[in-house]
C-alpha atoms as a PDB file:
ATOM      1  CA  MET A   1       0.925  -0.517  43.443  1.00  0.00           C
ATOM      2  CA  ARG A   2       3.534   1.125  41.992  1.00  0.00           C
ATOM      3  CA  ARG A   3       5.859  -0.801  39.391  1.00  0.00           C
ATOM      4  CA  ARG A   4       9.710   0.323  39.001  1.00  0.00           C
ATOM      5  CA  ARG A   5      11.381   0.398  35.982  1.00  0.00           C
ATOM      6  CA  SER A   6      15.353  -0.444  35.964  1.00  0.00           C
ATOM      7  CA  LEU A   7      17.537   2.137  34.262  1.00  0.00           C
ATOM      8  CA  GLY A   8      20.165   0.033  34.980  1.00  0.00           C
ATOM      9  CA  THR A   9      21.656  -3.887  33.385  1.00  0.00           C
ATOM     10  CA  GLU A  10      20.980  -5.547  36.270  1.00  0.00           C
ATOM     11  CA  GLY A  11      18.527  -7.644  34.352  1.00  0.00           C
ATOM     12  CA  GLY A  12      21.008  -9.855  33.262  1.00  0.00           C
ATOM     13  CA  ASP A  13      20.135 -10.162  29.562  1.00  0.00           C
ATOM     14  CA  ALA A  14      19.253  -6.387  28.501  1.00  0.00           C
ATOM     15  CA  GLY A  15      22.160  -6.165  26.149  1.00  0.00           C
ATOM     16  CA  GLU A  16      22.513  -9.513  24.793  1.00  0.00           C
ATOM     17  CA  VAL A  17      21.041 -11.083  21.701  1.00  0.00           C
ATOM     18  CA  ASN A  18      19.037 -14.470  21.681  1.00  0.00           C
ATOM     19  CA  LEU A  19      21.225 -16.744  19.114  1.00  0.00           C
ATOM     20  CA  THR A  20      18.795 -19.848  19.549  1.00  0.00           C
ATOM     21  CA  PRO A  21      16.070 -19.033  16.806  1.00  0.00           C
ATOM     22  CA  MET A  22      18.849 -18.310  14.201  1.00  0.00           C
ATOM     23  CA  LEU A  23      20.604 -21.730  15.045  1.00  0.00           C
ATOM     24  CA  ASP A  24      17.151 -23.530  15.136  1.00  0.00           C
ATOM     25  CA  VAL A  25      16.656 -21.876  11.121  1.00  0.00           C
ATOM     26  CA  VAL A  26      20.392 -22.921   9.992  1.00  0.00           C
ATOM     27  CA  PHE A  27      19.647 -26.573  11.724  1.00  0.00           C
ATOM     28  CA  ILE A  28      16.532 -26.918   9.968  1.00  0.00           C
ATOM     29  CA  MET A  29      17.810 -25.746   6.263  1.00  0.00           C
ATOM     30  CA  LEU A  30      20.464 -28.245   6.373  1.00  0.00           C
ATOM     31  CA  ILE A  31      18.060 -31.200   6.989  1.00  0.00           C
ATOM     32  CA  PHE A  32      16.531 -29.621   4.430  1.00  0.00           C
ATOM     33  CA  PHE A  33      19.390 -29.896   1.954  1.00  0.00           C
ATOM     34  CA  ILE A  34      20.505 -33.224   3.361  1.00  0.00           C
ATOM     35  CA  VAL A  35      17.185 -34.832   2.447  1.00  0.00           C
ATOM     36  CA  THR A  36      16.211 -32.931  -0.910  1.00  0.00           C
ATOM     37  CA  THR A  37      19.955 -33.851  -2.027  1.00  0.00           C
ATOM     38  CA  SER A  38      20.018 -36.773  -4.765  1.00  0.00           C
ATOM     39  CA  PHE A  39      22.411 -39.564  -4.341  1.00  0.00           C
ATOM     40  CA  ILE A  40      23.896 -40.857  -7.756  1.00  0.00           C
ATOM     41  CA  LYS A  41      26.122 -44.187  -7.324  1.00  0.00           C
ATOM     42  CA  GLU A  42      29.539 -42.770  -9.453  1.00  0.00           C
ATOM     43  CA  SER A  43      31.280 -45.397 -11.731  1.00  0.00           C
ATOM     44  CA  GLY A  44      34.738 -44.894  -9.766  1.00  0.00           C
ATOM     45  CA  VAL A  45      36.550 -44.216 -13.012  1.00  0.00           C
ATOM     46  CA  GLU A  46      38.087 -41.268 -14.806  1.00  0.00           C
ATOM     47  CA  ILE A  47      36.279 -41.203 -18.065  1.00  0.00           C
ATOM     48  CA  GLU A  48      36.867 -38.678 -20.766  1.00  0.00           C
ATOM     49  CA  ARG A  49      33.550 -38.318 -22.003  1.00  0.00           C
ATOM     50  CA  PRO A  50      32.864 -37.440 -26.055  1.00  0.00           C
ATOM     51  CA  GLU A  51      31.369 -33.658 -26.654  1.00  0.00           C
ATOM     52  CA  SER A  52      27.788 -32.897 -28.147  1.00  0.00           C
ATOM     53  CA  SER A  53      26.218 -29.656 -28.909  1.00  0.00           C
ATOM     54  CA  ALA A  54      23.020 -31.631 -28.063  1.00  0.00           C
ATOM     55  CA  ALA A  55      23.867 -33.006 -24.821  1.00  0.00           C
ATOM     56  CA  SER A  56      20.863 -32.289 -22.161  1.00  0.00           C
ATOM     57  CA  PRO A  57      20.949 -33.394 -18.491  1.00  0.00           C
ATOM     58  CA  GLN A  58      19.729 -36.329 -16.924  1.00  0.00           C
ATOM     59  CA  PRO A  59      17.934 -36.087 -13.975  1.00  0.00           C
ATOM     60  CA  ASP A  60      16.575 -39.525 -13.046  1.00  0.00           C
ATOM     61  CA  ALA A  61      19.817 -41.476 -13.418  1.00  0.00           C
ATOM     62  CA  GLN A  62      20.273 -44.074 -10.781  1.00  0.00           C
ATOM     63  CA  LEU A  63      23.071 -45.817 -11.182  1.00  0.00           C
ATOM     64  CA  MET A  64      26.773 -44.859 -13.624  1.00  0.00           C
ATOM     65  CA  VAL A  65      28.321 -47.453 -15.741  1.00  0.00           C
ATOM     66  CA  ALA A  66      31.708 -46.861 -17.089  1.00  0.00           C
ATOM     67  CA  ILE A  67      33.343 -47.905 -19.990  1.00  0.00           C
ATOM     68  CA  ALA A  68      37.200 -47.491 -19.373  1.00  0.00           C
ATOM     69  CA  PRO A  69      39.876 -46.695 -22.604  1.00  0.00           C
ATOM     70  CA  GLU A  70      41.416 -50.148 -22.265  1.00  0.00           C
ATOM     71  CA  GLY A  71      37.943 -52.045 -22.561  1.00  0.00           C
ATOM     72  CA  THR A  72      37.179 -52.755 -19.139  1.00  0.00           C
ATOM     73  CA  VAL A  73      33.694 -51.680 -18.060  1.00  0.00           C
ATOM     74  CA  TRP A  74      32.846 -50.842 -14.234  1.00  0.00           C
ATOM     75  CA  VAL A  75      29.303 -50.891 -12.215  1.00  0.00           C
ATOM     76  CA  ASP A  76      29.502 -49.549  -8.748  1.00  0.00           C
ATOM     77  CA  GLY A  77      33.169 -49.020  -8.463  1.00  0.00           C
ATOM     78  CA  ARG A  78      34.347 -52.345  -9.218  1.00  0.00           C
ATOM     79  CA  PRO A  79      35.023 -53.921 -12.711  1.00  0.00           C
ATOM     80  CA  VAL A  80      32.668 -56.401 -13.788  1.00  0.00           C
ATOM     81  CA  ASP A  81      32.749 -59.234 -16.822  1.00  0.00           C
ATOM     82  CA  VAL A  82      30.538 -57.662 -19.988  1.00  0.00           C
ATOM     83  CA  HIS A  83      28.696 -60.530 -19.947  1.00  0.00           C
ATOM     84  CA  ARG A  84      27.428 -60.252 -16.278  1.00  0.00           C
ATOM     85  CA  VAL A  85      26.663 -56.324 -16.900  1.00  0.00           C
ATOM     86  CA  GLY A  86      22.849 -56.588 -17.129  1.00  0.00           C
ATOM     87  CA  GLU A  87      22.489 -58.491 -13.720  1.00  0.00           C
ATOM     88  CA  GLU A  88      24.846 -56.306 -11.823  1.00  0.00           C
ATOM     89  CA  VAL A  89      22.843 -53.276 -12.914  1.00  0.00           C
ATOM     90  CA  ALA A  90      19.687 -54.869 -12.456  1.00  0.00           C
ATOM     91  CA  ALA A  91      20.347 -56.037  -8.694  1.00  0.00           C
ATOM     92  CA  LEU A  92      21.360 -51.893  -8.293  1.00  0.00           C
ATOM     93  CA  VAL A  93      18.636 -50.332  -9.880  1.00  0.00           C
ATOM     94  CA  SER A  94      15.222 -49.775  -8.561  1.00  0.00           C
ATOM     95  CA  GLY A  95      12.155 -50.111 -11.433  1.00  0.00           C
ATOM     96  CA  ASP A  96      11.880 -46.868 -12.064  1.00  0.00           C
ATOM     97  CA  GLY A  97      15.596 -45.955 -11.906  1.00  0.00           C
ATOM     98  CA  GLY A  98      17.596 -44.795 -14.823  1.00  0.00           C
ATOM     99  CA  VAL A  99      21.490 -45.544 -16.070  1.00  0.00           C
ATOM    100  CA  VAL A 100      23.821 -43.524 -17.461  1.00  0.00           C
ATOM    101  CA  ILE A 101      26.548 -45.099 -19.530  1.00  0.00           C
ATOM    102  CA  GLN A 102      29.508 -43.102 -19.538  1.00  0.00           C
ATOM    103  CA  ALA A 103      32.482 -44.275 -22.386  1.00  0.00           C
ATOM    104  CA  ASP A 104      35.451 -43.042 -22.892  1.00  0.00           C
ATOM    105  CA  ARG A 105      35.652 -40.985 -26.324  1.00  0.00           C
ATOM    106  CA  THR A 106      38.480 -44.008 -26.827  1.00  0.00           C
ATOM    107  CA  ALA A 107      36.202 -46.455 -26.169  1.00  0.00           C
ATOM    108  CA  THR A 108      35.013 -48.856 -29.055  1.00  0.00           C
ATOM    109  CA  THR A 109      31.558 -48.628 -30.345  1.00  0.00           C
ATOM    110  CA  GLY A 110      31.191 -52.565 -30.285  1.00  0.00           C
ATOM    111  CA  LEU A 111      31.611 -52.185 -26.500  1.00  0.00           C
ATOM    112  CA  LEU A 112      29.582 -49.709 -26.349  1.00  0.00           C
ATOM    113  CA  ILE A 113      26.464 -51.698 -27.992  1.00  0.00           C
ATOM    114  CA  GLU A 114      27.161 -54.867 -26.499  1.00  0.00           C
ATOM    115  CA  VAL A 115      27.062 -52.986 -22.754  1.00  0.00           C
ATOM    116  CA  MET A 116      23.561 -51.603 -24.281  1.00  0.00           C
ATOM    117  CA  ASP A 117      22.508 -54.947 -25.152  1.00  0.00           C
ATOM    118  CA  ARG A 118      22.619 -56.669 -21.737  1.00  0.00           C
ATOM    119  CA  ILE A 119      21.834 -53.722 -19.664  1.00  0.00           C
ATOM    120  CA  ARG A 120      18.120 -53.805 -21.991  1.00  0.00           C
ATOM    121  CA  GLU A 121      18.423 -57.752 -22.015  1.00  0.00           C
ATOM    122  CA  ALA A 122      18.380 -56.943 -17.884  1.00  0.00           C
ATOM    123  CA  GLY A 123      15.003 -55.623 -18.077  1.00  0.00           C
ATOM    124  CA  ILE A 124      16.176 -51.837 -18.020  1.00  0.00           C
ATOM    125  CA  GLU A 125      14.779 -49.466 -20.548  1.00  0.00           C
ATOM    126  CA  ASP A 126      15.613 -46.036 -18.806  1.00  0.00           C
ATOM    127  CA  MET A 127      19.585 -45.862 -20.679  1.00  0.00           C
ATOM    128  CA  ALA A 128      21.493 -43.191 -21.747  1.00  0.00           C
ATOM    129  CA  VAL A 129      24.892 -42.505 -22.499  1.00  0.00           C
ATOM    130  CA  ALA A 130      26.943 -39.319 -21.373  1.00  0.00           C
ATOM    131  CA  ALA A 131      28.138 -36.627 -23.340  1.00  0.00           C
ATOM    132  CA  THR A 132      29.928 -33.101 -22.186  1.00  0.00           C
ATOM    133  CA  ARG A 133      28.505 -30.353 -23.517  1.00  0.00           C
ATOM    134  CA  SER A 134      30.430 -28.316 -26.217  1.00  0.00           C
ATOM    135  CA  GLY A 135      29.575 -24.907 -27.081  1.00  0.00           C
ATOM    136  CA  PRO A 136      25.613 -23.744 -28.973  1.00  0.00           C
END
């Protein structure tokens, strides 16, 4: 038996490129990036952070608490009474999650300390204050 080779394009897809493997790789990469993205609950308030040359990233933060310039405290995008901050934060943070407090540069230090005390009384020890990193 002899085999014949077709020299023409009668085979159908002789000049086409199969894009299926490329699309598979793109979808797998998309799923990888979605799964590895960390989701942080933002405070929902515009805060002007103070500057610090010793500021370091806090990768384990699970929740952000904001202290606005006028003295209001925001947790998960809604205002909260200062006396209830600890309860609200404890309900939203899991056992190993941390809290970052974003205090505006014009907010009072007394309010910041009170918020930190309320969060610590709720049993959350992993806490940090947000700052913008300034020059070297």
